[in-house]
Every structure is written in structure tokens, then in C-alpha cells.
Amino acid sequence: MNKNRFIHFIRRAFADAWLAILSTFFVSFIHEYWYIGMPLLVVVKTRLMAAFLRTLYGLYRDEFTFLVTRKRNNYTLREYIICNTLSSLIYNGPTYLIILYVSGASPSNTLVAVRNVLILSIFLGVFYGLFLDFFRNLFDVTIPKILGKVLKLVFQK
């Protein structure tokens, strides 16, 4: 691996980790603690495991999108929406189930939490993908061309 590709990989991993930590500890903590009613210790365990696994989601999503579209960074908005939604559903459900099982959540809490995450993944998978690409853009990582066009429209003077 040459030096530029390695630096790009490190930047992408750092951006993914930063967003994973933000989303995991703020959004998911509130969901698990107040809405589902999990004990605080279980919530902390799940969030620590999820922060690491959520970082891997960015790499998974990129490869999933490439396998579906056979394109890198040059897909349509429809392909972007479909791939983000499907990759979020396929990755989040099983991963979250494993995290809750390992951290010792009760079976009733686990079922409610996984059901909610799957429902949220349908609606929020695209938005997490947009935020992920936005954070990668902040860390100077190559982003999909369609997102570049959207950012230009939004932030155009």
C-alpha cells in the first residue's frame, strides 16, 4: 500500500470513528436508557462495543455499495439511497443483536431494541450515510460525486 492510500485509509477510519462515537453515545444512549429502560451498566457496555463496530460499518457500506453498483464514487442518487438503506438494515440488525446478547441485556429489552433499530435503519440509513460522507469530507477523504453536488447546492452562496 503506497503512502497516499494509507493516509487516505487512516483519514477515512478516523472520520468513521468520530461519527460512530458521536452517534453511538448521544443518540443510541438516549434510546437505550430512557426509551427501552436498560440498566446503565448494560447501556455503557453496549455503547463501548458499538463504537468499535460502528466504525467498521463505513468500510462495510463502501464495499456493499461497490458490490451492488459496481461503481466507486460515481453512482446516482437512487443507487445511493437504496445502498445506504440496505447496508444499514443488513449490518445493524445482526450486529446490534450480538452486542445486546454479549452485554447481558434481557431478552425483552433485546427484542424491543432490535425491532426499533431495524425500523430506524429503514428511515435513517440514508441520513447516517450522508453524515458519514459529510464527516469524511471534513477529514479530506474522497466522497461520492452525488454528495459533492448536493453539498455545492446547499452551501452555494
C-alpha atoms as a PDB file:
ATOM      1  CA  MET A   1       0.000   0.000   0.000  1.00  0.00           C
ATOM      2  CA  ASN A   2       1.525   3.295  -1.009  1.00  0.00           C
ATOM      3  CA  LYS A   3       1.744   6.242   1.365  1.00  0.00           C
ATOM      4  CA  ASN A   4      -1.167   8.251  -0.111  1.00  0.00           C
ATOM      5  CA  ARG A   5      -3.576   5.297   0.038  1.00  0.00           C
ATOM      6  CA  PHE A   6      -2.519   4.595   3.622  1.00  0.00           C
ATOM      7  CA  ILE A   7      -3.100   8.219   4.653  1.00  0.00           C
ATOM      8  CA  HIS A   8      -6.488   8.177   2.900  1.00  0.00           C
ATOM      9  CA  PHE A   9      -7.404   4.973   4.745  1.00  0.00           C
ATOM     10  CA  ILE A  10      -6.375   6.447   8.121  1.00  0.00           C
ATOM     11  CA  ARG A  11      -8.363   9.632   7.482  1.00  0.00           C
ATOM     12  CA  ARG A  12     -11.419   7.629   6.455  1.00  0.00           C
ATOM     13  CA  ALA A  13     -11.148   5.403   9.530  1.00  0.00           C
ATOM     14  CA  PHE A  14     -10.743   8.439  11.794  1.00  0.00           C
ATOM     15  CA  ALA A  15     -13.791  10.172  10.273  1.00  0.00           C
ATOM     16  CA  ASP A  16     -15.817   6.960  10.593  1.00  0.00           C
ATOM     17  CA  ALA A  17     -14.713   6.546  14.217  1.00  0.00           C
ATOM     18  CA  TRP A  18     -15.554  10.134  15.091  1.00  0.00           C
ATOM     19  CA  LEU A  19     -19.077   9.841  13.712  1.00  0.00           C
ATOM     20  CA  ALA A  20     -19.517   6.401  15.274  1.00  0.00           C
ATOM     21  CA  ILE A  21     -18.643   7.765  18.701  1.00  0.00           C
ATOM     22  CA  LEU A  22     -20.958  10.757  18.319  1.00  0.00           C
ATOM     23  CA  SER A  23     -23.928   8.767  17.084  1.00  0.00           C
ATOM     24  CA  THR A  24     -23.352   5.839  19.404  1.00  0.00           C
ATOM     25  CA  PHE A  25     -23.031   7.760  22.623  1.00  0.00           C
ATOM     26  CA  PHE A  26     -25.550  10.509  22.061  1.00  0.00           C
ATOM     27  CA  VAL A  27     -28.392   9.075  20.014  1.00  0.00           C
ATOM     28  CA  SER A  28     -28.229   5.406  20.982  1.00  0.00           C
ATOM     29  CA  PHE A  29     -27.551   6.084  24.656  1.00  0.00           C
ATOM     30  CA  ILE A  30     -30.753   8.090  24.902  1.00  0.00           C
ATOM     31  CA  HIS A  31     -32.680   5.386  23.016  1.00  0.00           C
ATOM     32  CA  GLU A  32     -31.469   2.527  25.206  1.00  0.00           C
ATOM     33  CA  TYR A  33     -31.537   4.221  28.580  1.00  0.00           C
ATOM     34  CA  TRP A  34     -34.716   6.291  28.509  1.00  0.00           C
ATOM     35  CA  TYR A  35     -36.885   4.672  25.860  1.00  0.00           C
ATOM     36  CA  ILE A  36     -36.105   0.979  26.343  1.00  0.00           C
ATOM     37  CA  GLY A  37     -35.203   1.236  30.037  1.00  0.00           C
ATOM     38  CA  MET A  38     -31.979  -0.768  30.062  1.00  0.00           C
ATOM     39  CA  PRO A  39     -29.779  -0.585  33.168  1.00  0.00           C
ATOM     40  CA  LEU A  40     -26.994   1.980  32.943  1.00  0.00           C
ATOM     41  CA  LEU A  41     -24.201  -0.619  33.111  1.00  0.00           C
ATOM     42  CA  VAL A  42     -25.674  -2.567  30.190  1.00  0.00           C
ATOM     43  CA  VAL A  43     -26.042   0.636  28.176  1.00  0.00           C
ATOM     44  CA  VAL A  44     -22.398   1.575  28.766  1.00  0.00           C
ATOM     45  CA  LYS A  45     -21.253  -1.919  27.720  1.00  0.00           C
ATOM     46  CA  THR A  46     -23.327  -1.825  24.543  1.00  0.00           C
ATOM     47  CA  ARG A  47     -22.113   1.651  23.616  1.00  0.00           C
ATOM     48  CA  LEU A  48     -18.445   0.713  24.038  1.00  0.00           C
ATOM     49  CA  MET A  49     -18.839  -2.332  21.790  1.00  0.00           C
ATOM     50  CA  ALA A  50     -21.000  -0.468  19.308  1.00  0.00           C
ATOM     51  CA  ALA A  51     -18.497   2.374  18.899  1.00  0.00           C
ATOM     52  CA  PHE A  52     -15.919  -0.046  17.517  1.00  0.00           C
ATOM     53  CA  LEU A  53     -18.364  -1.994  15.344  1.00  0.00           C
ATOM     54  CA  ARG A  54     -19.966   1.192  14.043  1.00  0.00           C
ATOM     55  CA  THR A  55     -16.545   2.294  12.811  1.00  0.00           C
ATOM     56  CA  LEU A  56     -16.398  -0.857  10.701  1.00  0.00           C
ATOM     57  CA  TYR A  57     -19.808  -0.021   9.233  1.00  0.00           C
ATOM     58  CA  GLY A  58     -18.291   2.650   6.982  1.00  0.00           C
ATOM     59  CA  LEU A  59     -15.965   0.135   5.380  1.00  0.00           C
ATOM     60  CA  TYR A  60     -18.808  -2.374   5.057  1.00  0.00           C
ATOM     61  CA  ARG A  61     -21.084   0.213   3.458  1.00  0.00           C
ATOM     62  CA  ASP A  62     -18.458   1.196   0.902  1.00  0.00           C
ATOM     63  CA  GLU A  63     -17.849  -2.405  -0.146  1.00  0.00           C
ATOM     64  CA  PHE A  64     -21.570  -3.212  -0.166  1.00  0.00           C
ATOM     65  CA  THR A  65     -22.256  -0.217  -2.415  1.00  0.00           C
ATOM     66  CA  PHE A  66     -19.447  -1.260  -4.742  1.00  0.00           C
ATOM     67  CA  LEU A  67     -20.751  -4.833  -4.957  1.00  0.00           C
ATOM     68  CA  VAL A  68     -24.278  -3.656  -5.756  1.00  0.00           C
ATOM     69  CA  THR A  69     -23.463  -0.829  -8.200  1.00  0.00           C
ATOM     70  CA  ARG A  70     -20.005  -1.886  -9.437  1.00  0.00           C
ATOM     71  CA  LYS A  71     -19.020   1.779  -9.184  1.00  0.00           C
ATOM     72  CA  ARG A  72     -16.808   3.766  -6.854  1.00  0.00           C
ATOM     73  CA  ASN A  73     -17.983   7.295  -6.006  1.00  0.00           C
ATOM     74  CA  ASN A  74     -19.977   7.721  -9.217  1.00  0.00           C
ATOM     75  CA  TYR A  75     -23.492   6.429  -8.576  1.00  0.00           C
ATOM     76  CA  THR A  76     -26.894   8.028  -8.909  1.00  0.00           C
ATOM     77  CA  LEU A  77     -28.935   9.399  -6.048  1.00  0.00           C
ATOM     78  CA  ARG A  78     -31.345   6.463  -6.301  1.00  0.00           C
ATOM     79  CA  GLU A  79     -28.470   3.968  -6.031  1.00  0.00           C
ATOM     80  CA  TYR A  80     -27.079   5.952  -3.099  1.00  0.00           C
ATOM     81  CA  ILE A  81     -30.390   5.851  -1.209  1.00  0.00           C
ATOM     82  CA  ILE A  82     -31.020   2.150  -1.883  1.00  0.00           C
ATOM     83  CA  CYS A  83     -27.489   1.067  -0.982  1.00  0.00           C
ATOM     84  CA  ASN A  84     -27.374   3.117   2.232  1.00  0.00           C
ATOM     85  CA  THR A  85     -30.743   1.786   3.374  1.00  0.00           C
ATOM     86  CA  LEU A  86     -29.965  -1.845   2.571  1.00  0.00           C
ATOM     87  CA  SER A  87     -26.467  -1.775   4.041  1.00  0.00           C
ATOM     88  CA  SER A  88     -27.821  -0.182   7.212  1.00  0.00           C
ATOM     89  CA  LEU A  89     -30.519  -2.843   7.558  1.00  0.00           C
ATOM     90  CA  ILE A  90     -28.223  -5.781   6.821  1.00  0.00           C
ATOM     91  CA  TYR A  91     -25.418  -4.577   9.104  1.00  0.00           C
ATOM     92  CA  ASN A  92     -27.238  -3.022  12.056  1.00  0.00           C
ATOM     93  CA  GLY A  93     -29.767  -5.745  12.914  1.00  0.00           C
ATOM     94  CA  PRO A  94     -27.420  -8.708  13.441  1.00  0.00           C
ATOM     95  CA  THR A  95     -24.644  -6.560  14.895  1.00  0.00           C
ATOM     96  CA  TYR A  96     -26.935  -4.950  17.426  1.00  0.00           C
ATOM     97  CA  LEU A  97     -28.410  -8.316  18.388  1.00  0.00           C
ATOM     98  CA  ILE A  98     -24.915  -9.678  19.091  1.00  0.00           C
ATOM     99  CA  ILE A  99     -23.925  -6.561  21.052  1.00  0.00           C
ATOM    100  CA  LEU A 100     -27.002  -6.773  23.271  1.00  0.00           C
ATOM    101  CA  TYR A 101     -26.573 -10.502  23.842  1.00  0.00           C
ATOM    102  CA  VAL A 102     -22.905 -10.146  24.826  1.00  0.00           C
ATOM    103  CA  SER A 103     -23.559  -7.155  27.093  1.00  0.00           C
ATOM    104  CA  GLY A 104     -26.220  -9.044  29.058  1.00  0.00           C
ATOM    105  CA  ALA A 105     -29.420  -7.248  28.117  1.00  0.00           C
ATOM    106  CA  SER A 106     -32.654  -9.019  28.980  1.00  0.00           C
ATOM    107  CA  PRO A 107     -34.429 -10.862  26.143  1.00  0.00           C
ATOM    108  CA  SER A 108     -37.410  -8.490  26.220  1.00  0.00           C
ATOM    109  CA  ASN A 109     -35.150  -5.418  26.040  1.00  0.00           C
ATOM    110  CA  THR A 110     -33.176  -7.076  23.242  1.00  0.00           C
ATOM    111  CA  LEU A 111     -36.256  -7.749  21.118  1.00  0.00           C
ATOM    112  CA  VAL A 112     -37.620  -4.227  21.554  1.00  0.00           C
ATOM    113  CA  ALA A 113     -34.245  -2.628  20.863  1.00  0.00           C
ATOM    114  CA  VAL A 114     -33.511  -4.687  17.742  1.00  0.00           C
ATOM    115  CA  ARG A 115     -37.002  -4.070  16.382  1.00  0.00           C
ATOM    116  CA  ASN A 116     -36.584  -0.327  16.900  1.00  0.00           C
ATOM    117  CA  VAL A 117     -33.139  -0.306  15.310  1.00  0.00           C
ATOM    118  CA  LEU A 118     -34.415  -2.129  12.233  1.00  0.00           C
ATOM    119  CA  ILE A 119     -37.293   0.313  11.867  1.00  0.00           C
ATOM    120  CA  LEU A 120     -34.980   3.284  12.358  1.00  0.00           C
ATOM    121  CA  SER A 121     -32.470   1.832   9.889  1.00  0.00           C
ATOM    122  CA  ILE A 122     -35.085   1.920   7.157  1.00  0.00           C
ATOM    123  CA  PHE A 123     -35.670   5.634   7.668  1.00  0.00           C
ATOM    124  CA  LEU A 124     -32.304   6.851   8.955  1.00  0.00           C
ATOM    125  CA  GLY A 125     -29.859   4.688   6.991  1.00  0.00           C
ATOM    126  CA  VAL A 126     -29.629   7.270   4.238  1.00  0.00           C
ATOM    127  CA  PHE A 127     -29.112  10.125   6.684  1.00  0.00           C
ATOM    128  CA  TYR A 128     -26.352   8.258   8.509  1.00  0.00           C
ATOM    129  CA  GLY A 129     -24.715   7.652   5.131  1.00  0.00           C
ATOM    130  CA  LEU A 130     -24.956  11.365   4.330  1.00  0.00           C
ATOM    131  CA  PHE A 131     -23.466  12.302   7.701  1.00  0.00           C
ATOM    132  CA  LEU A 132     -20.737   9.716   7.205  1.00  0.00           C
ATOM    133  CA  ASP A 133     -19.811  11.176   3.840  1.00  0.00           C
ATOM    134  CA  PHE A 134     -20.045  14.703   5.271  1.00  0.00           C
ATOM    135  CA  PHE A 135     -17.611  13.786   8.061  1.00  0.00           C
ATOM    136  CA  ARG A 136     -15.298  12.148   5.538  1.00  0.00           C
ATOM    137  CA  ASN A 137     -15.404  15.372   3.543  1.00  0.00           C
ATOM    138  CA  LEU A 138     -14.386  17.300   6.673  1.00  0.00           C
ATOM    139  CA  PHE A 139     -11.384  14.996   7.039  1.00  0.00           C
ATOM    140  CA  ASP A 140     -10.476  15.471   3.355  1.00  0.00           C
ATOM    141  CA  VAL A 141     -11.476  11.998   2.216  1.00  0.00           C
ATOM    142  CA  THR A 142     -12.867  11.271  -1.242  1.00  0.00           C
ATOM    143  CA  ILE A 143     -16.657  11.361  -1.217  1.00  0.00           C
ATOM    144  CA  PRO A 144     -19.255  10.233  -3.768  1.00  0.00           C
ATOM    145  CA  LYS A 145     -19.767  12.687  -6.619  1.00  0.00           C
ATOM    146  CA  ILE A 146     -23.509  12.852  -5.976  1.00  0.00           C
ATOM    147  CA  LEU A 147     -22.869  14.092  -2.427  1.00  0.00           C
ATOM    148  CA  GLY A 148     -20.419  16.681  -3.740  1.00  0.00           C
ATOM    149  CA  LYS A 149     -23.186  18.035  -5.989  1.00  0.00           C
ATOM    150  CA  VAL A 150     -25.638  18.131  -3.073  1.00  0.00           C
ATOM    151  CA  LEU A 151     -23.135  19.936  -0.823  1.00  0.00           C
ATOM    152  CA  LYS A 152     -22.478  22.518  -3.551  1.00  0.00           C
ATOM    153  CA  LEU A 153     -26.205  23.197  -3.888  1.00  0.00           C
ATOM    154  CA  VAL A 154     -26.737  23.505  -0.145  1.00  0.00           C
ATOM    155  CA  PHE A 155     -23.717  25.675   0.634  1.00  0.00           C
ATOM    156  CA  GLN A 156     -23.724  27.738  -2.550  1.00  0.00           C
ATOM    157  CA  LYS A 157     -23.811  31.495  -1.977  1.00  0.00           C
END
